[in-house]
Amino acid sequence: MTGQRVLIVDDDLHIRRLLQGTLARAGYEPIEATTAREALERARRDKPDAILLDLGLPDRDGLEIVQLLRQQGSAPILVVSARDATDQKVAALDLGAHDYVTKPFDSEEVLARLRAT
């Protein structure tokens, strides 16, 4: 999947920079969004090949965004969230996410899961 665009949706600058560097080194083209609104706009406009989505966004709950992103397109959604409760994971997957990784995460694991989507 290298050479493809991946939308990173997270309001935490540190996490975005970490994922951006990891993806760029692996040959992906990272695109960033810090809010749900921006994520929906970037997904519509830039048509990413995959999406890394945090559930804790400042303007809307990430679970709602999973559903809206799924309605907009078919790009795989990998949730990267601090929410580690099973019901949150199940809800995200049931709403259309392809995978779920809890924070803190290992960058290599995120890449492997992205390759597997």
N, C-alpha and C. Protein backbone atom coordinates (compact mmCIF):
# COMPACT_ATOMS: atom_id res chain seq x y z
N MET A 1 0.82 -1.20 0.00
CA MET A 1 0.00 0.00 0.00
C MET A 1 0.87 1.26 0.00
N THR A 2 2.16 1.12 -0.09
CA THR A 2 3.03 2.29 -0.07
C THR A 2 2.78 3.18 -1.27
N GLY A 3 3.08 4.47 -1.11
CA GLY A 3 2.81 5.46 -2.14
C GLY A 3 1.39 5.97 -2.10
N GLN A 4 0.61 5.44 -1.19
CA GLN A 4 -0.79 5.83 -1.11
C GLN A 4 -1.01 6.82 0.02
N ARG A 5 -2.10 7.56 -0.08
CA ARG A 5 -2.41 8.59 0.91
C ARG A 5 -3.15 8.02 2.11
N VAL A 6 -2.70 8.45 3.29
CA VAL A 6 -3.34 8.03 4.54
C VAL A 6 -3.73 9.29 5.31
N LEU A 7 -5.00 9.41 5.62
CA LEU A 7 -5.51 10.54 6.40
C LEU A 7 -5.34 10.23 7.88
N ILE A 8 -4.61 11.09 8.58
CA ILE A 8 -4.42 10.99 10.03
C ILE A 8 -5.37 11.97 10.67
N VAL A 9 -6.29 11.48 11.50
CA VAL A 9 -7.26 12.34 12.18
C VAL A 9 -7.01 12.25 13.67
N ASP A 10 -6.40 13.29 14.23
CA ASP A 10 -6.10 13.31 15.67
C ASP A 10 -5.85 14.75 16.07
N ASP A 11 -6.39 15.17 17.21
CA ASP A 11 -6.19 16.55 17.65
C ASP A 11 -4.90 16.72 18.45
N ASP A 12 -4.20 15.63 18.72
CA ASP A 12 -2.95 15.69 19.48
C ASP A 12 -1.77 15.84 18.51
N LEU A 13 -1.11 16.99 18.58
CA LEU A 13 0.00 17.29 17.67
C LEU A 13 1.09 16.24 17.75
N HIS A 14 1.43 15.77 18.96
CA HIS A 14 2.48 14.78 19.14
C HIS A 14 2.14 13.48 18.39
N ILE A 15 0.93 13.03 18.53
CA ILE A 15 0.50 11.79 17.86
C ILE A 15 0.51 11.99 16.35
N ARG A 16 0.00 13.13 15.87
CA ARG A 16 0.00 13.38 14.43
C ARG A 16 1.41 13.38 13.87
N ARG A 17 2.34 14.02 14.58
CA ARG A 17 3.74 14.07 14.10
C ARG A 17 4.37 12.67 14.10
N LEU A 18 4.09 11.90 15.15
CA LEU A 18 4.61 10.54 15.22
C LEU A 18 4.09 9.71 14.05
N LEU A 19 2.79 9.74 13.82
CA LEU A 19 2.21 8.96 12.73
C LEU A 19 2.66 9.48 11.37
N GLN A 20 2.77 10.80 11.24
CA GLN A 20 3.21 11.38 9.97
C GLN A 20 4.62 10.90 9.62
N GLY A 21 5.53 10.95 10.58
CA GLY A 21 6.89 10.49 10.36
C GLY A 21 6.95 9.01 10.04
N THR A 22 6.20 8.22 10.79
CA THR A 22 6.16 6.77 10.58
C THR A 22 5.66 6.44 9.18
N LEU A 23 4.57 7.08 8.78
CA LEU A 23 3.99 6.82 7.47
C LEU A 23 4.91 7.28 6.34
N ALA A 24 5.49 8.47 6.49
CA ALA A 24 6.37 9.00 5.44
C ALA A 24 7.59 8.09 5.25
N ARG A 25 8.18 7.64 6.35
CA ARG A 25 9.34 6.74 6.26
C ARG A 25 8.98 5.41 5.59
N ALA A 26 7.73 5.00 5.72
CA ALA A 26 7.28 3.74 5.13
C ALA A 26 6.80 3.93 3.68
N GLY A 27 6.86 5.16 3.18
CA GLY A 27 6.50 5.40 1.80
C GLY A 27 5.08 5.84 1.54
N TYR A 28 4.33 6.12 2.60
CA TYR A 28 2.97 6.62 2.45
C TYR A 28 2.99 8.14 2.35
N GLU A 29 1.91 8.70 1.84
CA GLU A 29 1.74 10.15 1.81
C GLU A 29 0.72 10.53 2.89
N PRO A 30 1.20 11.06 4.04
CA PRO A 30 0.26 11.42 5.11
C PRO A 30 -0.48 12.72 4.83
N ILE A 31 -1.76 12.72 5.19
CA ILE A 31 -2.62 13.90 5.13
C ILE A 31 -3.14 14.06 6.56
N GLU A 32 -3.27 15.29 7.04
CA GLU A 32 -3.68 15.49 8.44
C GLU A 32 -4.99 16.24 8.58
N ALA A 33 -5.71 15.91 9.65
CA ALA A 33 -6.90 16.64 10.07
C ALA A 33 -6.93 16.63 11.59
N THR A 34 -7.38 17.73 12.18
CA THR A 34 -7.39 17.84 13.65
C THR A 34 -8.80 17.81 14.25
N THR A 35 -9.82 17.93 13.41
CA THR A 35 -11.20 17.92 13.89
C THR A 35 -12.03 16.98 13.02
N ALA A 36 -13.21 16.64 13.51
CA ALA A 36 -14.12 15.80 12.74
C ALA A 36 -14.53 16.51 11.45
N ARG A 37 -14.82 17.77 11.57
CA ARG A 37 -15.24 18.55 10.39
C ARG A 37 -14.15 18.54 9.32
N GLU A 38 -12.92 18.80 9.75
CA GLU A 38 -11.81 18.81 8.81
C GLU A 38 -11.58 17.40 8.24
N ALA A 39 -11.75 16.37 9.04
CA ALA A 39 -11.57 14.99 8.58
C ALA A 39 -12.56 14.65 7.48
N LEU A 40 -13.81 15.02 7.68
CA LEU A 40 -14.83 14.73 6.66
C LEU A 40 -14.54 15.48 5.38
N GLU A 41 -14.10 16.73 5.50
CA GLU A 41 -13.76 17.54 4.32
C GLU A 41 -12.55 16.95 3.59
N ARG A 42 -11.49 16.64 4.34
CA ARG A 42 -10.27 16.08 3.72
C ARG A 42 -10.56 14.73 3.07
N ALA A 43 -11.39 13.91 3.72
CA ALA A 43 -11.73 12.60 3.14
C ALA A 43 -12.50 12.77 1.84
N ARG A 44 -13.42 13.73 1.82
CA ARG A 44 -14.21 13.98 0.62
C ARG A 44 -13.35 14.54 -0.50
N ARG A 45 -12.51 15.50 -0.17
CA ARG A 45 -11.70 16.21 -1.16
C ARG A 45 -10.49 15.40 -1.62
N ASP A 46 -9.76 14.80 -0.68
CA ASP A 46 -8.48 14.16 -1.00
C ASP A 46 -8.58 12.66 -1.30
N LYS A 47 -9.72 12.06 -1.01
CA LYS A 47 -9.94 10.64 -1.28
C LYS A 47 -8.76 9.76 -0.82
N PRO A 48 -8.50 9.71 0.49
CA PRO A 48 -7.38 8.91 0.98
C PRO A 48 -7.61 7.43 0.74
N ASP A 49 -6.49 6.70 0.71
CA ASP A 49 -6.55 5.26 0.52
C ASP A 49 -6.82 4.52 1.83
N ALA A 50 -6.55 5.20 2.95
CA ALA A 50 -6.82 4.65 4.28
C ALA A 50 -6.92 5.81 5.27
N ILE A 51 -7.55 5.55 6.41
CA ILE A 51 -7.76 6.59 7.42
C ILE A 51 -7.36 6.05 8.79
N LEU A 52 -6.53 6.82 9.52
CA LEU A 52 -6.21 6.53 10.91
C LEU A 52 -7.01 7.53 11.74
N LEU A 53 -7.94 7.06 12.53
CA LEU A 53 -8.91 7.92 13.20
C LEU A 53 -8.88 7.79 14.71
N ASP A 54 -8.66 8.92 15.38
CA ASP A 54 -8.80 8.97 16.84
C ASP A 54 -10.27 9.20 17.15
N LEU A 55 -10.77 8.61 18.21
CA LEU A 55 -12.18 8.79 18.57
C LEU A 55 -12.41 10.04 19.41
N GLY A 56 -11.38 10.53 20.09
CA GLY A 56 -11.53 11.68 20.98
C GLY A 56 -11.24 12.99 20.27
N LEU A 57 -12.17 13.44 19.46
CA LEU A 57 -11.99 14.69 18.72
C LEU A 57 -12.72 15.83 19.42
N PRO A 58 -12.25 17.06 19.26
CA PRO A 58 -12.83 18.18 20.01
C PRO A 58 -14.24 18.58 19.58
N ASP A 59 -14.61 18.32 18.34
CA ASP A 59 -15.89 18.83 17.86
C ASP A 59 -16.97 17.78 17.65
N ARG A 60 -16.60 16.50 17.74
CA ARG A 60 -17.59 15.45 17.52
C ARG A 60 -17.00 14.12 17.97
N ASP A 61 -17.83 13.21 18.40
CA ASP A 61 -17.35 11.90 18.81
C ASP A 61 -16.90 11.10 17.60
N GLY A 62 -15.77 10.45 17.73
CA GLY A 62 -15.20 9.69 16.63
C GLY A 62 -16.09 8.56 16.13
N LEU A 63 -16.90 7.98 17.00
CA LEU A 63 -17.79 6.91 16.56
C LEU A 63 -18.77 7.42 15.51
N GLU A 64 -19.24 8.65 15.66
CA GLU A 64 -20.11 9.25 14.64
C GLU A 64 -19.36 9.42 13.33
N ILE A 65 -18.09 9.75 13.44
CA ILE A 65 -17.28 10.00 12.26
C ILE A 65 -17.03 8.70 11.48
N VAL A 66 -16.87 7.60 12.20
CA VAL A 66 -16.70 6.31 11.52
C VAL A 66 -17.87 6.10 10.57
N GLN A 67 -19.08 6.30 11.07
CA GLN A 67 -20.28 6.11 10.27
C GLN A 67 -20.31 7.05 9.07
N LEU A 68 -20.00 8.33 9.31
CA LEU A 68 -20.04 9.32 8.23
C LEU A 68 -18.96 9.06 7.19
N LEU A 69 -17.77 8.68 7.63
CA LEU A 69 -16.71 8.35 6.68
C LEU A 69 -17.08 7.13 5.84
N ARG A 70 -17.71 6.16 6.48
CA ARG A 70 -18.13 4.96 5.77
C ARG A 70 -19.15 5.32 4.69
N GLN A 71 -20.04 6.28 4.97
CA GLN A 71 -21.03 6.71 3.98
C GLN A 71 -20.38 7.44 2.82
N GLN A 72 -19.25 8.11 3.08
CA GLN A 72 -18.56 8.89 2.05
C GLN A 72 -17.73 8.04 1.11
N GLY A 73 -17.23 6.91 1.59
CA GLY A 73 -16.33 6.14 0.74
C GLY A 73 -15.97 4.81 1.36
N SER A 74 -15.06 4.12 0.70
CA SER A 74 -14.72 2.77 1.13
C SER A 74 -13.30 2.64 1.68
N ALA A 75 -12.61 3.76 1.91
CA ALA A 75 -11.25 3.69 2.45
C ALA A 75 -11.26 2.97 3.80
N PRO A 76 -10.35 2.03 4.01
CA PRO A 76 -10.29 1.35 5.30
C PRO A 76 -10.04 2.35 6.43
N ILE A 77 -10.73 2.15 7.54
CA ILE A 77 -10.58 3.00 8.71
C ILE A 77 -9.93 2.19 9.82
N LEU A 78 -8.79 2.67 10.29
CA LEU A 78 -8.10 2.06 11.42
C LEU A 78 -8.22 3.04 12.59
N VAL A 79 -8.98 2.67 13.59
CA VAL A 79 -9.15 3.52 14.76
C VAL A 79 -7.89 3.41 15.62
N VAL A 80 -7.36 4.58 16.01
CA VAL A 80 -6.20 4.65 16.91
C VAL A 80 -6.66 5.52 18.08
N SER A 81 -7.00 4.89 19.20
CA SER A 81 -7.65 5.62 20.27
C SER A 81 -7.18 5.18 21.65
N ALA A 82 -7.30 6.10 22.60
CA ALA A 82 -7.01 5.77 23.99
C ALA A 82 -8.16 5.00 24.63
N ARG A 83 -9.30 5.00 24.00
CA ARG A 83 -10.45 4.25 24.53
C ARG A 83 -10.17 2.76 24.38
N ASP A 84 -10.04 2.10 25.52
CA ASP A 84 -9.68 0.68 25.47
C ASP A 84 -10.78 -0.26 25.93
N ALA A 85 -11.97 0.28 26.18
CA ALA A 85 -13.09 -0.56 26.60
C ALA A 85 -13.59 -1.39 25.43
N THR A 86 -13.90 -2.63 25.71
CA THR A 86 -14.36 -3.53 24.67
C THR A 86 -15.58 -3.00 23.94
N ASP A 87 -16.52 -2.37 24.67
CA ASP A 87 -17.73 -1.87 24.00
C ASP A 87 -17.41 -0.77 22.99
N GLN A 88 -16.38 0.03 23.25
CA GLN A 88 -15.96 1.06 22.29
C GLN A 88 -15.36 0.42 21.04
N LYS A 89 -14.55 -0.59 21.24
CA LYS A 89 -13.93 -1.30 20.11
C LYS A 89 -15.01 -1.96 19.25
N VAL A 90 -15.92 -2.66 19.91
CA VAL A 90 -17.00 -3.34 19.19
C VAL A 90 -17.87 -2.33 18.44
N ALA A 91 -18.19 -1.22 19.09
CA ALA A 91 -19.02 -0.20 18.44
C ALA A 91 -18.33 0.34 17.18
N ALA A 92 -17.04 0.66 17.29
CA ALA A 92 -16.31 1.19 16.14
C ALA A 92 -16.27 0.18 15.00
N LEU A 93 -16.02 -1.07 15.32
CA LEU A 93 -15.96 -2.11 14.29
C LEU A 93 -17.34 -2.35 13.68
N ASP A 94 -18.37 -2.34 14.50
CA ASP A 94 -19.73 -2.53 14.00
C ASP A 94 -20.18 -1.37 13.11
N LEU A 95 -19.65 -0.18 13.37
CA LEU A 95 -20.03 0.99 12.57
C LEU A 95 -19.26 1.08 11.26
N GLY A 96 -18.25 0.22 11.09
CA GLY A 96 -17.55 0.21 9.81
C GLY A 96 -16.05 0.35 9.85
N ALA A 97 -15.47 0.49 11.05
CA ALA A 97 -14.00 0.53 11.13
C ALA A 97 -13.47 -0.86 10.77
N HIS A 98 -12.29 -0.90 10.18
CA HIS A 98 -11.70 -2.16 9.78
C HIS A 98 -10.82 -2.77 10.87
N ASP A 99 -10.28 -1.90 11.74
CA ASP A 99 -9.39 -2.38 12.78
C ASP A 99 -9.35 -1.33 13.90
N TYR A 100 -8.76 -1.70 15.03
CA TYR A 100 -8.75 -0.83 16.21
C TYR A 100 -7.45 -1.06 16.97
N VAL A 101 -6.71 0.01 17.21
CA VAL A 101 -5.46 -0.05 17.97
C VAL A 101 -5.58 0.93 19.13
N THR A 102 -5.20 0.49 20.34
CA THR A 102 -5.28 1.39 21.49
C THR A 102 -3.95 2.12 21.71
N LYS A 103 -4.07 3.34 22.21
CA LYS A 103 -2.90 4.14 22.58
C LYS A 103 -2.53 3.77 24.01
N PRO A 104 -1.27 3.74 24.35
CA PRO A 104 -0.13 3.97 23.46
C PRO A 104 0.04 2.78 22.52
N PHE A 105 0.56 3.06 21.33
CA PHE A 105 0.70 2.03 20.32
C PHE A 105 2.15 1.96 19.85
N ASP A 106 2.47 0.87 19.20
CA ASP A 106 3.77 0.70 18.58
C ASP A 106 3.62 1.06 17.10
N SER A 107 4.48 1.92 16.60
CA SER A 107 4.40 2.39 15.22
C SER A 107 4.45 1.24 14.22
N GLU A 108 5.28 0.26 14.49
CA GLU A 108 5.40 -0.88 13.57
C GLU A 108 4.10 -1.69 13.53
N GLU A 109 3.42 -1.78 14.67
CA GLU A 109 2.13 -2.48 14.68
C GLU A 109 1.10 -1.74 13.85
N VAL A 110 1.08 -0.42 13.96
CA VAL A 110 0.14 0.39 13.17
C VAL A 110 0.42 0.16 11.68
N LEU A 111 1.69 0.20 11.29
CA LEU A 111 2.04 -0.04 9.88
C LEU A 111 1.60 -1.43 9.42
N ALA A 112 1.82 -2.44 10.25
CA ALA A 112 1.42 -3.80 9.90
C ALA A 112 -0.08 -3.90 9.73
N ARG A 113 -0.81 -3.29 10.63
CA ARG A 113 -2.28 -3.32 10.53
C ARG A 113 -2.75 -2.55 9.30
N LEU A 114 -2.07 -1.47 8.98
CA LEU A 114 -2.41 -0.69 7.78
C LEU A 114 -2.15 -1.53 6.53
N ARG A 115 -1.05 -2.23 6.50
CA ARG A 115 -0.75 -3.09 5.35
C ARG A 115 -1.78 -4.21 5.21
N ALA A 116 -2.32 -4.66 6.33
CA ALA A 116 -3.27 -5.77 6.32
C ALA A 116 -4.68 -5.36 5.87
N THR A 117 -4.94 -4.06 5.82
CA THR A 117 -6.30 -3.62 5.43
C THR A 117 -6.51 -3.69 3.94
